[in-house]
Amino acid sequence: MNKYKLIDLGALFLLMLITGVFWGTWFTLTRSLENFSADEFIHIGQTIIANVAIPMRIIMPLGVLLMTLSLRFATNKQTTSFVIGIISLVLIIGVLLITLLVLVPIDKAIREWTVSSIPPDWESIRKPWDLFHSLRTFAALASFACFSIFLLTQPAHRNPKQEF
């Protein structure tokens, strides 16, 4: 297997992990948030935040980097397939921005909550948290679909004259 295929495989694998984390959370938790009491929401939220914070700090940027390299080494950049690959990259960067600019600040607040210190308007804070988790999930799914299409339509070999 050549280095270009390893980059492609690594990018797709990391994108699958990123998408899986978001899809699993949305599918099993986010759709039911209104059913949780304050103490359940705090406990579940704090547990998930603690579980994903460190790994996602590595997986997401590395995934974006490998996707960028995969697109950089595409042999024909004048195709619909390449445009779909670019769309995938834009979508996953959007996912990263939603995470960093919207969800991480909310997560930091939730991390400090206790049952006795939860803000009285916690349900109104939960609504944008829910909305942006959903947007992020479906953007990640679309990114994964687009990147898969891009990779499936690439030639079996890359231009050996293109180097890192």
C-alpha atoms as a PDB file:
ATOM      1  CA  MET A   1       0.000   0.000   0.000  1.00  0.00           C
ATOM      2  CA  ASN A   2       1.456   3.365  -0.958  1.00  0.00           C
ATOM      3  CA  LYS A   3       1.671   6.404   1.310  1.00  0.00           C
ATOM      4  CA  TYR A   4      -1.240   8.132  -0.438  1.00  0.00           C
ATOM      5  CA  LYS A   5      -3.593   5.252   0.274  1.00  0.00           C
ATOM      6  CA  LEU A   6      -2.402   5.206   3.895  1.00  0.00           C
ATOM      7  CA  ILE A   7      -3.261   8.902   4.170  1.00  0.00           C
ATOM      8  CA  ASP A   8      -6.676   8.235   2.573  1.00  0.00           C
ATOM      9  CA  LEU A   9      -7.350   5.295   4.881  1.00  0.00           C
ATOM     10  CA  GLY A  10      -6.212   7.217   7.961  1.00  0.00           C
ATOM     11  CA  ALA A  11      -8.372  10.203   7.043  1.00  0.00           C
ATOM     12  CA  LEU A  12     -11.430   8.040   6.447  1.00  0.00           C
ATOM     13  CA  PHE A  13     -10.835   6.062   9.650  1.00  0.00           C
ATOM     14  CA  LEU A  14     -10.532   9.209  11.798  1.00  0.00           C
ATOM     15  CA  LEU A  15     -13.548  10.775  10.097  1.00  0.00           C
ATOM     16  CA  MET A  16     -15.496   7.592  10.869  1.00  0.00           C
ATOM     17  CA  LEU A  17     -14.475   7.845  14.537  1.00  0.00           C
ATOM     18  CA  ILE A  18     -15.417  11.536  14.719  1.00  0.00           C
ATOM     19  CA  THR A  19     -18.766  10.924  13.050  1.00  0.00           C
ATOM     20  CA  GLY A  20     -19.412   7.857  15.184  1.00  0.00           C
ATOM     21  CA  VAL A  21     -18.888   9.751  18.430  1.00  0.00           C
ATOM     22  CA  PHE A  22     -21.351  12.433  17.352  1.00  0.00           C
ATOM     23  CA  TRP A  23     -23.874  10.042  15.817  1.00  0.00           C
ATOM     24  CA  GLY A  24     -23.837   7.753  18.847  1.00  0.00           C
ATOM     25  CA  THR A  25     -24.358  10.646  21.241  1.00  0.00           C
ATOM     26  CA  TRP A  26     -27.134  12.148  19.135  1.00  0.00           C
ATOM     27  CA  PHE A  27     -28.867   8.819  18.496  1.00  0.00           C
ATOM     28  CA  THR A  28     -28.775   7.594  22.092  1.00  0.00           C
ATOM     29  CA  LEU A  29     -28.867  10.795  24.147  1.00  0.00           C
ATOM     30  CA  THR A  30     -29.535  14.113  22.434  1.00  0.00           C
ATOM     31  CA  ARG A  31     -32.899  13.053  21.023  1.00  0.00           C
ATOM     32  CA  SER A  32     -34.090  12.344  24.587  1.00  0.00           C
ATOM     33  CA  LEU A  33     -32.603  15.264  26.523  1.00  0.00           C
ATOM     34  CA  GLU A  34     -35.972  16.673  27.568  1.00  0.00           C
ATOM     35  CA  ASN A  35     -36.691  13.399  29.389  1.00  0.00           C
ATOM     36  CA  PHE A  36     -33.807  13.853  31.836  1.00  0.00           C
ATOM     37  CA  SER A  37     -34.088  15.589  35.174  1.00  0.00           C
ATOM     38  CA  ALA A  38     -31.511  18.209  36.107  1.00  0.00           C
ATOM     39  CA  ASP A  39     -29.410  15.773  38.140  1.00  0.00           C
ATOM     40  CA  GLU A  40     -29.506  13.162  35.336  1.00  0.00           C
ATOM     41  CA  PHE A  41     -28.563  15.791  32.744  1.00  0.00           C
ATOM     42  CA  ILE A  42     -25.634  16.971  34.869  1.00  0.00           C
ATOM     43  CA  HIS A  43     -24.379  13.444  35.532  1.00  0.00           C
ATOM     44  CA  ILE A  44     -24.682  12.260  31.924  1.00  0.00           C
ATOM     45  CA  GLY A  45     -23.311  15.516  30.499  1.00  0.00           C
ATOM     46  CA  GLN A  46     -20.305  15.583  32.809  1.00  0.00           C
ATOM     47  CA  THR A  47     -19.545  11.912  32.143  1.00  0.00           C
ATOM     48  CA  ILE A  48     -19.653  12.292  28.356  1.00  0.00           C
ATOM     49  CA  ILE A  49     -17.638  15.515  28.462  1.00  0.00           C
ATOM     50  CA  ALA A  50     -14.950  13.808  30.559  1.00  0.00           C
ATOM     51  CA  ASN A  51     -14.865  10.772  28.266  1.00  0.00           C
ATOM     52  CA  VAL A  52     -14.489  12.597  24.963  1.00  0.00           C
ATOM     53  CA  ALA A  53     -12.601  15.797  25.788  1.00  0.00           C
ATOM     54  CA  ILE A  54      -9.026  14.499  25.503  1.00  0.00           C
ATOM     55  CA  PRO A  55      -9.443  11.943  22.686  1.00  0.00           C
ATOM     56  CA  MET A  56     -11.378  14.375  20.475  1.00  0.00           C
ATOM     57  CA  ARG A  57      -8.655  17.027  20.937  1.00  0.00           C
ATOM     58  CA  ILE A  58      -6.386  14.617  19.078  1.00  0.00           C
ATOM     59  CA  ILE A  59      -8.753  12.833  16.702  1.00  0.00           C
ATOM     60  CA  MET A  60     -10.479  15.882  15.224  1.00  0.00           C
ATOM     61  CA  PRO A  61      -7.433  17.975  14.259  1.00  0.00           C
ATOM     62  CA  LEU A  62      -5.573  14.901  13.021  1.00  0.00           C
ATOM     63  CA  GLY A  63      -8.606  13.901  10.954  1.00  0.00           C
ATOM     64  CA  VAL A  64      -8.802  17.382   9.395  1.00  0.00           C
ATOM     65  CA  LEU A  65      -5.057  17.273   8.661  1.00  0.00           C
ATOM     66  CA  LEU A  66      -5.221  13.860   6.961  1.00  0.00           C
ATOM     67  CA  MET A  67      -8.307  14.872   4.967  1.00  0.00           C
ATOM     68  CA  THR A  68      -6.444  17.991   3.813  1.00  0.00           C
ATOM     69  CA  LEU A  69      -3.434  15.899   2.767  1.00  0.00           C
ATOM     70  CA  SER A  70      -5.671  13.419   0.972  1.00  0.00           C
ATOM     71  CA  LEU A  71      -7.240  16.248  -1.020  1.00  0.00           C
ATOM     72  CA  ARG A  72      -3.835  17.865  -1.616  1.00  0.00           C
ATOM     73  CA  PHE A  73      -2.559  14.696  -3.263  1.00  0.00           C
ATOM     74  CA  ALA A  74      -5.640  14.091  -5.416  1.00  0.00           C
ATOM     75  CA  THR A  75      -4.557  13.531  -9.009  1.00  0.00           C
ATOM     76  CA  ASN A  76      -7.316  15.441 -10.743  1.00  0.00           C
ATOM     77  CA  LYS A  77      -8.585  18.539  -9.020  1.00  0.00           C
ATOM     78  CA  GLN A  78     -10.890  19.476 -11.910  1.00  0.00           C
ATOM     79  CA  THR A  79     -13.578  16.911 -11.113  1.00  0.00           C
ATOM     80  CA  THR A  80     -16.899  16.829  -9.319  1.00  0.00           C
ATOM     81  CA  SER A  81     -15.382  14.211  -7.032  1.00  0.00           C
ATOM     82  CA  PHE A  82     -12.714  16.647  -5.886  1.00  0.00           C
ATOM     83  CA  VAL A  83     -15.346  19.335  -5.226  1.00  0.00           C
ATOM     84  CA  ILE A  84     -17.275  16.806  -3.129  1.00  0.00           C
ATOM     85  CA  GLY A  85     -14.048  16.143  -1.216  1.00  0.00           C
ATOM     86  CA  ILE A  86     -13.633  19.881  -0.591  1.00  0.00           C
ATOM     87  CA  ILE A  87     -17.249  20.056   0.619  1.00  0.00           C
ATOM     88  CA  SER A  88     -16.428  17.240   3.035  1.00  0.00           C
ATOM     89  CA  LEU A  89     -13.447  19.164   4.383  1.00  0.00           C
ATOM     90  CA  VAL A  90     -15.487  22.373   4.762  1.00  0.00           C
ATOM     91  CA  LEU A  91     -18.210  20.454   6.594  1.00  0.00           C
ATOM     92  CA  ILE A  92     -15.794  18.842   9.062  1.00  0.00           C
ATOM     93  CA  ILE A  93     -14.125  22.207   9.699  1.00  0.00           C
ATOM     94  CA  GLY A  94     -17.637  23.529  10.396  1.00  0.00           C
ATOM     95  CA  VAL A  95     -18.097  20.635  12.841  1.00  0.00           C
ATOM     96  CA  LEU A  96     -14.854  21.607  14.561  1.00  0.00           C
ATOM     97  CA  LEU A  97     -15.925  25.266  14.759  1.00  0.00           C
ATOM     98  CA  ILE A  98     -19.357  24.371  16.182  1.00  0.00           C
ATOM     99  CA  THR A  99     -17.580  22.247  18.764  1.00  0.00           C
ATOM    100  CA  LEU A 100     -15.014  24.867  19.764  1.00  0.00           C
ATOM    101  CA  LEU A 101     -17.081  28.043  19.538  1.00  0.00           C
ATOM    102  CA  VAL A 102     -20.496  26.881  20.741  1.00  0.00           C
ATOM    103  CA  LEU A 103     -20.421  23.530  22.497  1.00  0.00           C
ATOM    104  CA  VAL A 104     -17.152  23.655  24.438  1.00  0.00           C
ATOM    105  CA  PRO A 105     -18.158  26.865  26.279  1.00  0.00           C
ATOM    106  CA  ILE A 106     -21.495  25.265  27.226  1.00  0.00           C
ATOM    107  CA  ASP A 107     -19.680  22.065  28.232  1.00  0.00           C
ATOM    108  CA  LYS A 108     -17.329  24.051  30.462  1.00  0.00           C
ATOM    109  CA  ALA A 109     -20.317  25.520  32.274  1.00  0.00           C
ATOM    110  CA  ILE A 110     -22.021  22.113  32.623  1.00  0.00           C
ATOM    111  CA  ARG A 111     -18.797  20.644  34.010  1.00  0.00           C
ATOM    112  CA  GLU A 112     -19.092  23.033  36.980  1.00  0.00           C
ATOM    113  CA  TRP A 113     -22.776  22.449  37.715  1.00  0.00           C
ATOM    114  CA  THR A 114     -24.059  20.510  40.684  1.00  0.00           C
ATOM    115  CA  VAL A 115     -27.664  19.746  41.539  1.00  0.00           C
ATOM    116  CA  SER A 116     -27.598  22.587  44.078  1.00  0.00           C
ATOM    117  CA  SER A 117     -25.827  25.089  41.790  1.00  0.00           C
ATOM    118  CA  ILE A 118     -27.523  24.395  38.455  1.00  0.00           C
ATOM    119  CA  PRO A 119     -28.791  27.651  36.931  1.00  0.00           C
ATOM    120  CA  PRO A 120     -32.560  28.114  37.143  1.00  0.00           C
ATOM    121  CA  ASP A 121     -32.660  28.523  33.348  1.00  0.00           C
ATOM    122  CA  TRP A 122     -30.690  25.302  32.687  1.00  0.00           C
ATOM    123  CA  GLU A 123     -33.374  24.035  30.307  1.00  0.00           C
ATOM    124  CA  SER A 124     -32.973  27.123  28.117  1.00  0.00           C
ATOM    125  CA  ILE A 125     -29.194  26.453  28.067  1.00  0.00           C
ATOM    126  CA  ARG A 126     -29.894  22.845  27.121  1.00  0.00           C
ATOM    127  CA  LYS A 127     -31.860  23.922  24.007  1.00  0.00           C
ATOM    128  CA  PRO A 128     -28.916  25.425  22.060  1.00  0.00           C
ATOM    129  CA  TRP A 129     -26.728  22.578  23.325  1.00  0.00           C
ATOM    130  CA  ASP A 130     -29.261  20.170  21.802  1.00  0.00           C
ATOM    131  CA  LEU A 131     -29.607  22.164  18.552  1.00  0.00           C
ATOM    132  CA  PHE A 132     -25.868  22.479  17.951  1.00  0.00           C
ATOM    133  CA  HIS A 133     -25.257  18.823  18.803  1.00  0.00           C
ATOM    134  CA  SER A 134     -27.806  17.938  16.131  1.00  0.00           C
ATOM    135  CA  LEU A 135     -26.307  20.337  13.559  1.00  0.00           C
ATOM    136  CA  ARG A 136     -22.834  19.013  14.291  1.00  0.00           C
ATOM    137  CA  THR A 137     -23.974  15.409  13.979  1.00  0.00           C
ATOM    138  CA  PHE A 138     -25.610  15.851  10.595  1.00  0.00           C
ATOM    139  CA  ALA A 139     -22.726  17.961   9.278  1.00  0.00           C
ATOM    140  CA  ALA A 140     -20.337  15.163  10.317  1.00  0.00           C
ATOM    141  CA  LEU A 141     -22.540  12.547   8.619  1.00  0.00           C
ATOM    142  CA  ALA A 142     -22.617  14.626   5.433  1.00  0.00           C
ATOM    143  CA  SER A 143     -18.845  15.098   5.619  1.00  0.00           C
ATOM    144  CA  PHE A 144     -18.334  11.353   5.971  1.00  0.00           C
ATOM    145  CA  ALA A 145     -20.618  10.640   3.008  1.00  0.00           C
ATOM    146  CA  CYS A 146     -18.888  13.237   0.824  1.00  0.00           C
ATOM    147  CA  PHE A 147     -15.398  12.098   1.756  1.00  0.00           C
ATOM    148  CA  SER A 148     -16.347   8.477   1.073  1.00  0.00           C
ATOM    149  CA  ILE A 149     -17.615   9.453  -2.383  1.00  0.00           C
ATOM    150  CA  PHE A 150     -14.412  11.389  -3.005  1.00  0.00           C
ATOM    151  CA  LEU A 151     -12.244   8.405  -2.070  1.00  0.00           C
ATOM    152  CA  LEU A 152     -14.325   5.856  -3.959  1.00  0.00           C
ATOM    153  CA  THR A 153     -14.033   7.855  -7.164  1.00  0.00           C
ATOM    154  CA  GLN A 154     -10.280   8.505  -6.964  1.00  0.00           C
ATOM    155  CA  PRO A 155      -7.929   6.658  -9.320  1.00  0.00           C
ATOM    156  CA  ALA A 156      -6.253   3.603  -7.848  1.00  0.00           C
ATOM    157  CA  HIS A 157      -2.899   5.366  -7.887  1.00  0.00           C
ATOM    158  CA  ARG A 158      -1.647   8.868  -7.189  1.00  0.00           C
ATOM    159  CA  ASN A 159       0.885  10.890  -9.116  1.00  0.00           C
ATOM    160  CA  PRO A 160       4.304   9.671  -7.926  1.00  0.00           C
ATOM    161  CA  LYS A 161       5.844  13.058  -8.808  1.00  0.00           C
ATOM    162  CA  GLN A 162       3.757  14.763  -6.125  1.00  0.00           C
ATOM    163  CA  GLU A 163       5.643  14.558  -2.854  1.00  0.00           C
ATOM    164  CA  PHE A 164       4.926  15.682   0.662  1.00  0.00           C
END
